[in-house]
């Protein structure tokens, strides 16, 4: 996969069926499993804010079909969250 062009088509359940999307998906999977392990061990290290923000964006867009009309999400900010008045988890 590391040698494949990001635009190469692949079989995938999501609408984006490219190697680039698989790389993105795997990065999010690795991040969340790392966090799960660290939470279990009681030693949580900092998450990369760009990757974490992209994971929230993917969850809202791909897994939940987009942010609801009353919400908003700005990946470029340091406080990801969906909706006014929603406080992101620390």
Protein backbone atom coordinates (compact mmCIF):
# COMPACT_ATOMS: atom_id res chain seq x y z
CA UNK A 1 0.00 0.00 0.00
CA UNK A 2 2.87 2.40 0.69
CA UNK A 3 4.00 2.17 -2.92
CA UNK A 4 0.56 2.51 -4.53
CA UNK A 5 -0.64 5.80 -5.98
CA UNK A 6 -3.19 7.50 -3.70
CA UNK A 7 -5.69 7.71 -6.57
CA UNK A 8 -5.60 3.95 -7.31
CA UNK A 9 -9.06 2.44 -7.06
CA UNK A 10 -9.77 -0.26 -4.45
CA UNK A 11 -12.76 -2.17 -3.09
CA UNK A 12 -14.15 -0.23 -0.13
CA UNK A 13 -17.48 0.23 1.67
CA UNK A 14 -17.16 4.02 1.69
CA UNK A 15 -17.92 6.28 -1.26
CA UNK A 16 -14.23 7.14 -1.64
CA UNK A 17 -12.72 3.97 -3.05
CA UNK A 18 -9.06 4.95 -3.32
CA UNK A 19 -5.77 3.93 -1.74
CA UNK A 20 -5.58 7.44 -0.30
CA UNK A 21 -8.81 6.92 1.62
CA UNK A 22 -7.61 3.52 2.91
CA UNK A 23 -4.44 5.21 4.20
CA UNK A 24 -6.55 7.88 5.92
CA UNK A 25 -8.89 5.24 7.41
CA UNK A 26 -5.99 3.14 8.69
CA UNK A 27 -4.35 6.17 10.32
CA UNK A 28 -7.60 6.86 12.20
CA UNK A 29 -7.94 3.19 13.19
CA UNK A 30 -4.38 3.11 14.55
CA UNK A 31 -4.92 6.35 16.47
CA UNK A 32 -8.12 5.21 18.19
CA UNK A 33 -6.71 1.78 19.06
CA UNK A 34 -3.62 3.47 20.49
CA UNK A 35 -5.84 5.72 22.59
CA UNK A 36 -7.87 2.71 23.78
CA UNK A 37 -4.68 0.94 24.88
CA UNK A 38 -3.35 4.06 26.61
CA UNK A 39 -6.64 4.62 28.44
CA UNK A 40 -6.54 1.01 29.61
CA UNK A 41 -2.95 1.41 30.81
CA UNK A 42 -3.75 4.74 32.47
CA UNK A 43 -1.08 6.60 30.53
CA UNK A 44 -2.53 8.79 27.79
CA UNK A 45 -0.14 10.68 25.52
CA UNK A 46 -1.01 13.66 23.33
CA UNK A 47 -2.90 13.03 20.09
CA UNK A 48 -1.82 14.69 16.89
CA UNK A 49 -4.43 17.48 16.57
CA UNK A 50 -4.51 17.39 12.77
CA UNK A 51 -5.10 13.63 12.64
CA UNK A 52 -7.65 13.76 15.48
CA UNK A 53 -9.52 16.62 13.78
CA UNK A 54 -9.51 14.71 10.50
CA UNK A 55 -10.94 11.69 12.34
CA UNK A 56 -13.84 13.78 13.66
CA UNK A 57 -14.42 15.14 10.17
CA UNK A 58 -14.45 11.59 8.74
CA UNK A 59 -16.85 10.34 11.41
CA UNK A 60 -19.27 13.19 10.76
CA UNK A 61 -19.01 13.09 6.98
CA UNK A 62 -18.55 9.40 6.15
CA UNK A 63 -19.99 7.46 9.08
CA UNK A 64 -22.83 9.75 10.11
CA UNK A 65 -23.64 11.27 6.71
CA UNK A 66 -22.61 14.81 7.57
CA UNK A 67 -23.03 17.25 10.39
CA UNK A 68 -26.69 17.99 11.22
CA UNK A 69 -28.14 21.33 10.04
CA UNK A 70 -27.90 22.79 13.55
CA UNK A 71 -24.23 21.86 13.95
CA UNK A 72 -20.91 23.01 12.64
CA UNK A 73 -17.41 21.62 12.44
CA UNK A 74 -14.29 23.54 11.54
CA UNK A 75 -11.30 21.14 11.30
CA UNK A 76 -8.84 24.04 11.20
CA UNK A 77 -9.70 25.12 14.75
CA UNK A 78 -8.13 23.79 17.91
CA UNK A 79 -11.50 22.86 19.44
CA UNK A 80 -13.24 20.25 17.29
CA UNK A 81 -16.90 19.67 18.10
CA UNK A 82 -20.20 19.54 16.32
CA UNK A 83 -22.81 22.13 17.19
CA UNK A 84 -23.01 25.36 19.10
CA UNK A 85 -22.78 24.93 22.80
CA UNK A 86 -21.15 21.51 22.55
CA UNK A 87 -17.97 21.32 24.55
CA UNK A 88 -15.31 18.97 23.13
CA UNK A 89 -14.07 16.29 25.48
CA UNK A 90 -10.62 17.05 26.96
